[in-house]
Amino acid sequence: GFGRRYRQALAGQWGLTDVDDVLLACQYAQAQGWAHPGRILVRGNSAGGYTVLRVLSDDRAAAAGIGGGASLYGISDLALLNA
């Protein structure tokens, strides 16, 4: 939802910068009292689904309060994506 400029900033950083953003947002939501640890769910589709898969496989996810997620037709075949 950050627009074209943000997407362009992800060039070469896809799956890194966006994952950091999700983790920081979850930590912020907990600090504000908006979310409870272990009860945050992340969801995304297509490229956002890829982000979900990366977030769920990140060692920092549990510390960020993420308890699960849903990848809706997320990009998961990286070899095909790179072709």
PDB file of N, CA and C in Angstrom:
ATOM      1  N   GLY A   1       0.781  -1.187   0.000  1.00  0.00           N
ATOM      2  CA  GLY A   1       0.000   0.000   0.000  1.00  0.00           C
ATOM      3  C   GLY A   1       0.833   1.266   0.000  1.00  0.00           C
ATOM      4  N   PHE A   2       2.153   1.176  -0.171  1.00  0.00           N
ATOM      5  CA  PHE A   2       2.994   2.377  -0.137  1.00  0.00           C
ATOM      6  C   PHE A   2       3.241   2.963  -1.520  1.00  0.00           C
ATOM      7  N   GLY A   3       2.749   2.310  -2.562  1.00  0.00           N
ATOM      8  CA  GLY A   3       2.848   2.866  -3.905  1.00  0.00           C
ATOM      9  C   GLY A   3       4.096   2.474  -4.671  1.00  0.00           C
ATOM     10  N   ARG A   4       4.195   3.071  -5.842  1.00  0.00           N
ATOM     11  CA  ARG A   4       5.252   2.736  -6.796  1.00  0.00           C
ATOM     12  C   ARG A   4       6.654   3.021  -6.256  1.00  0.00           C
ATOM     13  N   ARG A   5       6.823   4.144  -5.598  1.00  0.00           N
ATOM     14  CA  ARG A   5       8.152   4.511  -5.072  1.00  0.00           C
ATOM     15  C   ARG A   5       8.676   3.447  -4.095  1.00  0.00           C
ATOM     16  N   TYR A   6       7.794   2.945  -3.242  1.00  0.00           N
ATOM     17  CA  TYR A   6       8.184   1.895  -2.301  1.00  0.00           C
ATOM     18  C   TYR A   6       8.541   0.612  -3.050  1.00  0.00           C
ATOM     19  N   ARG A   7       7.718   0.228  -4.034  1.00  0.00           N
ATOM     20  CA  ARG A   7       7.997  -0.983  -4.818  1.00  0.00           C
ATOM     21  C   ARG A   7       9.338  -0.867  -5.516  1.00  0.00           C
ATOM     22  N   GLN A   8       9.642   0.308  -6.046  1.00  0.00           N
ATOM     23  CA  GLN A   8      10.920   0.511  -6.713  1.00  0.00           C
ATOM     24  C   GLN A   8      12.075   0.440  -5.717  1.00  0.00           C
ATOM     25  N   ALA A   9      11.843   0.880  -4.499  1.00  0.00           N
ATOM     26  CA  ALA A   9      12.886   0.803  -3.468  1.00  0.00           C
ATOM     27  C   ALA A   9      13.187  -0.646  -3.085  1.00  0.00           C
ATOM     28  N   LEU A  10      12.232  -1.532  -3.338  1.00  0.00           N
ATOM     29  CA  LEU A  10      12.434  -2.951  -3.023  1.00  0.00           C
ATOM     30  C   LEU A  10      13.282  -3.676  -4.065  1.00  0.00           C
ATOM     31  N   ALA A  11      13.560  -3.038  -5.181  1.00  0.00           N
ATOM     32  CA  ALA A  11      14.352  -3.685  -6.236  1.00  0.00           C
ATOM     33  C   ALA A  11      15.668  -4.199  -5.650  1.00  0.00           C
ATOM     34  N   GLY A  12      15.874  -5.495  -5.779  1.00  0.00           N
ATOM     35  CA  GLY A  12      17.072  -6.123  -5.231  1.00  0.00           C
ATOM     36  C   GLY A  12      16.990  -6.399  -3.742  1.00  0.00           C
ATOM     37  N   GLN A  13      15.928  -5.950  -3.103  1.00  0.00           N
ATOM     38  CA  GLN A  13      15.752  -6.127  -1.662  1.00  0.00           C
ATOM     39  C   GLN A  13      14.462  -6.869  -1.331  1.00  0.00           C
ATOM     40  N   TRP A  14      13.786  -7.394  -2.363  1.00  0.00           N
ATOM     41  CA  TRP A  14      12.498  -8.069  -2.169  1.00  0.00           C
ATOM     42  C   TRP A  14      12.682  -9.252  -1.228  1.00  0.00           C
ATOM     43  N   GLY A  15      11.827  -9.361  -0.254  1.00  0.00           N
ATOM     44  CA  GLY A  15      11.945 -10.432   0.728  1.00  0.00           C
ATOM     45  C   GLY A  15      12.868 -10.086   1.880  1.00  0.00           C
ATOM     46  N   LEU A  16      13.449  -8.917   1.861  1.00  0.00           N
ATOM     47  CA  LEU A  16      14.322  -8.469   2.955  1.00  0.00           C
ATOM     48  C   LEU A  16      13.710  -7.231   3.613  1.00  0.00           C
ATOM     49  N   THR A  17      13.660  -6.146   2.864  1.00  0.00           N
ATOM     50  CA  THR A  17      13.138  -4.888   3.397  1.00  0.00           C
ATOM     51  C   THR A  17      11.676  -5.014   3.790  1.00  0.00           C
ATOM     52  N   ASP A  18      10.877  -5.675   2.948  1.00  0.00           N
ATOM     53  CA  ASP A  18       9.452  -5.802   3.249  1.00  0.00           C
ATOM     54  C   ASP A  18       9.214  -6.694   4.462  1.00  0.00           C
ATOM     55  N   VAL A  19      10.039  -7.709   4.639  1.00  0.00           N
ATOM     56  CA  VAL A  19       9.935  -8.566   5.831  1.00  0.00           C
ATOM     57  C   VAL A  19      10.269  -7.754   7.077  1.00  0.00           C
ATOM     58  N   ASP A  20      11.315  -6.960   7.006  1.00  0.00           N
ATOM     59  CA  ASP A  20      11.667  -6.096   8.140  1.00  0.00           C
ATOM     60  C   ASP A  20      10.511  -5.157   8.475  1.00  0.00           C
ATOM     61  N   ASP A  21       9.859  -4.612   7.451  1.00  0.00           N
ATOM     62  CA  ASP A  21       8.717  -3.717   7.670  1.00  0.00           C
ATOM     63  C   ASP A  21       7.590  -4.427   8.419  1.00  0.00           C
ATOM     64  N   VAL A  22       7.282  -5.654   8.005  1.00  0.00           N
ATOM     65  CA  VAL A  22       6.209  -6.415   8.656  1.00  0.00           C
ATOM     66  C   VAL A  22       6.565  -6.688  10.116  1.00  0.00           C
ATOM     67  N   LEU A  23       7.788  -7.123  10.356  1.00  0.00           N
ATOM     68  CA  LEU A  23       8.208  -7.435  11.726  1.00  0.00           C
ATOM     69  C   LEU A  23       8.160  -6.189  12.612  1.00  0.00           C
ATOM     70  N   LEU A  24       8.635  -5.074  12.087  1.00  0.00           N
ATOM     71  CA  LEU A  24       8.603  -3.825  12.869  1.00  0.00           C
ATOM     72  C   LEU A  24       7.170  -3.365  13.125  1.00  0.00           C
ATOM     73  N   ALA A  25       6.295  -3.524  12.135  1.00  0.00           N
ATOM     74  CA  ALA A  25       4.891  -3.139  12.318  1.00  0.00           C
ATOM     75  C   ALA A  25       4.238  -3.981  13.408  1.00  0.00           C
ATOM     76  N   CYS A  26       4.551  -5.260  13.440  1.00  0.00           N
ATOM     77  CA  CYS A  26       3.983  -6.143  14.469  1.00  0.00           C
ATOM     78  C   CYS A  26       4.495  -5.765  15.855  1.00  0.00           C
ATOM     79  N   GLN A  27       5.770  -5.457  15.954  1.00  0.00           N
ATOM     80  CA  GLN A  27       6.328  -5.036  17.236  1.00  0.00           C
ATOM     81  C   GLN A  27       5.697  -3.721  17.685  1.00  0.00           C
ATOM     82  N   TYR A  28       5.492  -2.811  16.757  1.00  0.00           N
ATOM     83  CA  TYR A  28       4.871  -1.525  17.081  1.00  0.00           C
ATOM     84  C   TYR A  28       3.433  -1.726  17.556  1.00  0.00           C
ATOM     85  N   ALA A  29       2.694  -2.591  16.876  1.00  0.00           N
ATOM     86  CA  ALA A  29       1.299  -2.858  17.262  1.00  0.00           C
ATOM     87  C   ALA A  29       1.228  -3.402  18.680  1.00  0.00           C
ATOM     88  N   GLN A  30       2.177  -4.253  19.051  1.00  0.00           N
ATOM     89  CA  GLN A  30       2.210  -4.769  20.423  1.00  0.00           C
ATOM     90  C   GLN A  30       2.558  -3.663  21.417  1.00  0.00           C
ATOM     91  N   ALA A  31       3.538  -2.852  21.071  1.00  0.00           N
ATOM     92  CA  ALA A  31       3.964  -1.776  21.975  1.00  0.00           C
ATOM     93  C   ALA A  31       2.835  -0.778  22.227  1.00  0.00           C
ATOM     94  N   GLN A  32       1.970  -0.595  21.235  1.00  0.00           N
ATOM     95  CA  GLN A  32       0.836   0.317  21.377  1.00  0.00           C
ATOM     96  C   GLN A  32      -0.344  -0.335  22.093  1.00  0.00           C
ATOM     97  N   GLY A  33      -0.264  -1.647  22.333  1.00  0.00           N
ATOM     98  CA  GLY A  33      -1.351  -2.356  22.979  1.00  0.00           C
ATOM     99  C   GLY A  33      -2.462  -2.758  22.021  1.00  0.00           C
ATOM    100  N   TRP A  34      -2.194  -2.680  20.723  1.00  0.00           N
ATOM    101  CA  TRP A  34      -3.192  -3.018  19.713  1.00  0.00           C
ATOM    102  C   TRP A  34      -3.233  -4.509  19.403  1.00  0.00           C
ATOM    103  N   ALA A  35      -2.179  -5.233  19.775  1.00  0.00           N
ATOM    104  CA  ALA A  35      -2.077  -6.657  19.436  1.00  0.00           C
ATOM    105  C   ALA A  35      -1.450  -7.405  20.605  1.00  0.00           C
ATOM    106  N   HIS A  36      -1.768  -8.674  20.687  1.00  0.00           N
ATOM    107  CA  HIS A  36      -1.225  -9.520  21.743  1.00  0.00           C
ATOM    108  C   HIS A  36      -0.169 -10.455  21.172  1.00  0.00           C
ATOM    109  N   PRO A  37       0.919 -10.670  21.907  1.00  0.00           N
ATOM    110  CA  PRO A  37       1.978 -11.558  21.434  1.00  0.00           C
ATOM    111  C   PRO A  37       1.437 -12.942  21.068  1.00  0.00           C
ATOM    112  N   GLY A  38       1.884 -13.440  19.938  1.00  0.00           N
ATOM    113  CA  GLY A  38       1.495 -14.769  19.484  1.00  0.00           C
ATOM    114  C   GLY A  38       0.131 -14.832  18.835  1.00  0.00           C
ATOM    115  N   ARG A  39      -0.572 -13.718  18.768  1.00  0.00           N
ATOM    116  CA  ARG A  39      -1.925 -13.703  18.196  1.00  0.00           C
ATOM    117  C   ARG A  39      -2.016 -12.862  16.925  1.00  0.00           C
ATOM    118  N   ILE A  40      -0.872 -12.421  16.427  1.00  0.00           N
ATOM    119  CA  ILE A  40      -0.844 -11.643  15.192  1.00  0.00           C
ATOM    120  C   ILE A  40      -0.774 -12.609  14.009  1.00  0.00           C
ATOM    121  N   LEU A  41      -1.624 -12.378  13.025  1.00  0.00           N
ATOM    122  CA  LEU A  41      -1.607 -13.158  11.791  1.00  0.00           C
ATOM    123  C   LEU A  41      -1.253 -12.225  10.641  1.00  0.00           C
ATOM    124  N   VAL A  42      -0.419 -12.719   9.741  1.00  0.00           N
ATOM    125  CA  VAL A  42      -0.068 -11.939   8.562  1.00  0.00           C
ATOM    126  C   VAL A  42      -0.677 -12.612   7.345  1.00  0.00           C
ATOM    127  N   ARG A  43      -1.087 -11.797   6.372  1.00  0.00           N
ATOM    128  CA  ARG A  43      -1.740 -12.330   5.181  1.00  0.00           C
ATOM    129  C   ARG A  43      -1.292 -11.523   3.976  1.00  0.00           C
ATOM    130  N   GLY A  44      -1.117 -12.206   2.868  1.00  0.00           N
ATOM    131  CA  GLY A  44      -0.774 -11.510   1.636  1.00  0.00           C
ATOM    132  C   GLY A  44      -1.035 -12.387   0.434  1.00  0.00           C
ATOM    133  N   ASN A  45      -1.147 -11.740  -0.720  1.00  0.00           N
ATOM    134  CA  ASN A  45      -1.343 -12.488  -1.946  1.00  0.00           C
ATOM    135  C   ASN A  45      -0.287 -12.089  -2.974  1.00  0.00           C
ATOM    136  N   SER A  46       0.051 -13.036  -3.834  1.00  0.00           N
ATOM    137  CA  SER A  46       1.061 -12.851  -4.866  1.00  0.00           C
ATOM    138  C   SER A  46       2.390 -12.442  -4.211  1.00  0.00           C
ATOM    139  N   ALA A  47       2.918 -11.265  -4.530  1.00  0.00           N
ATOM    140  CA  ALA A  47       4.178 -10.848  -3.914  1.00  0.00           C
ATOM    141  C   ALA A  47       4.030 -10.700  -2.399  1.00  0.00           C
ATOM    142  N   GLY A  48       2.849 -10.268  -1.953  1.00  0.00           N
ATOM    143  CA  GLY A  48       2.585 -10.192  -0.515  1.00  0.00           C
ATOM    144  C   GLY A  48       2.553 -11.567   0.119  1.00  0.00           C
ATOM    145  N   GLY A  49       2.099 -12.558  -0.643  1.00  0.00           N
ATOM    146  CA  GLY A  49       2.124 -13.937  -0.169  1.00  0.00           C
ATOM    147  C   GLY A  49       3.550 -14.434   0.003  1.00  0.00           C
ATOM    148  N   TYR A  50       4.419 -14.007  -0.895  1.00  0.00           N
ATOM    149  CA  TYR A  50       5.842 -14.330  -0.762  1.00  0.00           C
ATOM    150  C   TYR A  50       6.396 -13.705   0.514  1.00  0.00           C
ATOM    151  N   THR A  51       6.001 -12.468   0.775  1.00  0.00           N
ATOM    152  CA  THR A  51       6.435 -11.804   2.010  1.00  0.00           C
ATOM    153  C   THR A  51       5.966 -12.593   3.230  1.00  0.00           C
ATOM    154  N   VAL A  52       4.729 -13.060   3.202  1.00  0.00           N
ATOM    155  CA  VAL A  52       4.207 -13.868   4.311  1.00  0.00           C
ATOM    156  C   VAL A  52       5.065 -15.107   4.521  1.00  0.00           C
ATOM    157  N   LEU A  53       5.390 -15.805   3.438  1.00  0.00           N
ATOM    158  CA  LEU A  53       6.227 -17.003   3.558  1.00  0.00           C
ATOM    159  C   LEU A  53       7.584 -16.670   4.153  1.00  0.00           C
ATOM    160  N   ARG A  54       8.161 -15.559   3.724  1.00  0.00           N
ATOM    161  CA  ARG A  54       9.461 -15.146   4.271  1.00  0.00           C
ATOM    162  C   ARG A  54       9.336 -14.777   5.749  1.00  0.00           C
ATOM    163  N   VAL A  55       8.274 -14.068   6.113  1.00  0.00           N
ATOM    164  CA  VAL A  55       8.063 -13.675   7.512  1.00  0.00           C
ATOM    165  C   VAL A  55       7.920 -14.912   8.389  1.00  0.00           C
ATOM    166  N   LEU A  56       7.106 -15.865   7.946  1.00  0.00           N
ATOM    167  CA  LEU A  56       6.858 -17.062   8.759  1.00  0.00           C
ATOM    168  C   LEU A  56       8.095 -17.932   8.899  1.00  0.00           C
ATOM    169  N   SER A  57       9.029 -17.816   7.964  1.00  0.00           N
ATOM    170  CA  SER A  57      10.248 -18.615   8.051  1.00  0.00           C
ATOM    171  C   SER A  57      11.389 -17.856   8.730  1.00  0.00           C
ATOM    172  N   ASP A  58      11.129 -16.638   9.153  1.00  0.00           N
ATOM    173  CA  ASP A  58      12.147 -15.802   9.798  1.00  0.00           C
ATOM    174  C   ASP A  58      12.208 -16.120  11.294  1.00  0.00           C
ATOM    175  N   ASP A  59      13.397 -16.249  11.819  1.00  0.00           N
ATOM    176  CA  ASP A  59      13.588 -16.552  13.244  1.00  0.00           C
ATOM    177  C   ASP A  59      13.024 -15.466  14.156  1.00  0.00           C
ATOM    178  N   ARG A  60      12.840 -14.277  13.644  1.00  0.00           N
ATOM    179  CA  ARG A  60      12.355 -13.153  14.459  1.00  0.00           C
ATOM    180  C   ARG A  60      10.832 -13.088  14.549  1.00  0.00           C
ATOM    181  N   ALA A  61      10.121 -13.942  13.800  1.00  0.00           N
ATOM    182  CA  ALA A  61       8.657 -13.860  13.734  1.00  0.00           C
ATOM    183  C   ALA A  61       8.005 -14.050  15.101  1.00  0.00           C
ATOM    184  N   ALA A  62       8.429 -15.045  15.848  1.00  0.00           N
ATOM    185  CA  ALA A  62       7.818 -15.296  17.152  1.00  0.00           C
ATOM    186  C   ALA A  62       8.054 -14.123  18.100  1.00  0.00           C
ATOM    187  N   ALA A  63       9.254 -13.563  18.073  1.00  0.00           N
ATOM    188  CA  ALA A  63       9.562 -12.418  18.934  1.00  0.00           C
ATOM    189  C   ALA A  63       8.732 -11.199  18.544  1.00  0.00           C
ATOM    190  N   ALA A  64       8.310 -11.133  17.279  1.00  0.00           N
ATOM    191  CA  ALA A  64       7.480 -10.022  16.812  1.00  0.00           C
ATOM    192  C   ALA A  64       6.008 -10.271  17.119  1.00  0.00           C
ATOM    193  N   GLY A  65       5.702 -11.414  17.725  1.00  0.00           N
ATOM    194  CA  GLY A  65       4.325 -11.709  18.116  1.00  0.00           C
ATOM    195  C   GLY A  65       3.495 -12.395  17.057  1.00  0.00           C
ATOM    196  N   ILE A  66       4.129 -12.830  15.976  1.00  0.00           N
ATOM    197  CA  ILE A  66       3.396 -13.446  14.877  1.00  0.00           C
ATOM    198  C   ILE A  66       3.107 -14.907  15.206  1.00  0.00           C
ATOM    199  N   GLY A  67       1.827 -15.241  15.163  1.00  0.00           N
ATOM    200  CA  GLY A  67       1.410 -16.597  15.492  1.00  0.00           C
ATOM    201  C   GLY A  67       1.067 -17.434  14.278  1.00  0.00           C
ATOM    202  N   GLY A  68       0.947 -16.829  13.117  1.00  0.00           N
ATOM    203  CA  GLY A  68       0.621 -17.576  11.906  1.00  0.00           C
ATOM    204  C   GLY A  68       0.373 -16.638  10.752  1.00  0.00           C
ATOM    205  N   GLY A  69       0.011 -17.232   9.623  1.00  0.00           N
ATOM    206  CA  GLY A  69      -0.232 -16.406   8.461  1.00  0.00           C
ATOM    207  C   GLY A  69      -0.895 -17.174   7.346  1.00  0.00           C
ATOM    208  N   ALA A  70      -1.285 -16.440   6.320  1.00  0.00           N
ATOM    209  CA  ALA A  70      -1.906 -17.034   5.140  1.00  0.00           C
ATOM    210  C   ALA A  70      -1.267 -16.430   3.895  1.00  0.00           C
ATOM    211  N   SER A  71      -0.675 -17.292   3.090  1.00  0.00           N
ATOM    212  CA  SER A  71      -0.107 -16.881   1.819  1.00  0.00           C
ATOM    213  C   SER A  71      -1.092 -17.279   0.733  1.00  0.00           C
ATOM    214  N   LEU A  72      -1.758 -16.294   0.139  1.00  0.00           N
ATOM    215  CA  LEU A  72      -2.748 -16.552  -0.899  1.00  0.00           C
ATOM    216  C   LEU A  72      -2.071 -16.434  -2.255  1.00  0.00           C
ATOM    217  N   TYR A  73      -1.919 -17.552  -2.913  1.00  0.00           N
ATOM    218  CA  TYR A  73      -1.196 -17.694  -4.182  1.00  0.00           C
ATOM    219  C   TYR A  73       0.115 -16.917  -4.186  1.00  0.00           C
ATOM    220  N   GLY A  74       0.872 -17.100  -3.093  1.00  0.00           N
ATOM    221  CA  GLY A  74       2.163 -16.440  -2.971  1.00  0.00           C
ATOM    222  C   GLY A  74       3.212 -17.046  -3.882  1.00  0.00           C
ATOM    223  N   ILE A  75       4.161 -16.245  -4.279  1.00  0.00           N
ATOM    224  CA  ILE A  75       5.273 -16.695  -5.100  1.00  0.00           C
ATOM    225  C   ILE A  75       6.119 -17.636  -4.249  1.00  0.00           C
ATOM    226  N   SER A  76       6.262 -18.880  -4.692  1.00  0.00           N
ATOM    227  CA  SER A  76       7.039 -19.837  -3.896  1.00  0.00           C
ATOM    228  C   SER A  76       8.058 -20.600  -4.720  1.00  0.00           C
ATOM    229  N   ASP A  77       7.990 -20.528  -6.039  1.00  0.00           N
ATOM    230  CA  ASP A  77       8.961 -21.201  -6.902  1.00  0.00           C
ATOM    231  C   ASP A  77       9.994 -20.169  -7.341  1.00  0.00           C
ATOM    232  N   LEU A  78      11.036 -20.011  -6.532  1.00  0.00           N
ATOM    233  CA  LEU A  78      12.014 -18.969  -6.796  1.00  0.00           C
ATOM    234  C   LEU A  78      12.834 -19.243  -8.043  1.00  0.00           C
ATOM    235  N   ALA A  79      13.062 -20.517  -8.356  1.00  0.00           N
ATOM    236  CA  ALA A  79      13.806 -20.847  -9.577  1.00  0.00           C
ATOM    237  C   ALA A  79      13.017 -20.394 -10.803  1.00  0.00           C
ATOM    238  N   LEU A  80      11.731 -20.627 -10.816  1.00  0.00           N
ATOM    239  CA  LEU A  80      10.888 -20.202 -11.928  1.00  0.00           C
ATOM    240  C   LEU A  80      10.801 -18.680 -11.986  1.00  0.00           C
ATOM    241  N   LEU A  81      10.722 -18.034 -10.849  1.00  0.00           N
ATOM    242  CA  LEU A  81      10.648 -16.586 -10.781  1.00  0.00           C
ATOM    243  C   LEU A  81      11.925 -15.966 -11.349  1.00  0.00           C
ATOM    244  N   ASN A  82      13.065 -16.593 -11.091  1.00  0.00           N
ATOM    245  CA  ASN A  82      14.358 -16.079 -11.527  1.00  0.00           C
ATOM    246  C   ASN A  82      14.624 -16.339 -13.004  1.00  0.00           C
ATOM    247  N   ALA A  83      13.851 -17.237 -13.613  1.00  0.00           N
ATOM    248  CA  ALA A  83      14.097 -17.619 -15.020  1.00  0.00           C
ATOM    249  C   ALA A  83      13.743 -16.522 -15.984  1.00  0.00           C
TER     250      ALA A  83
END
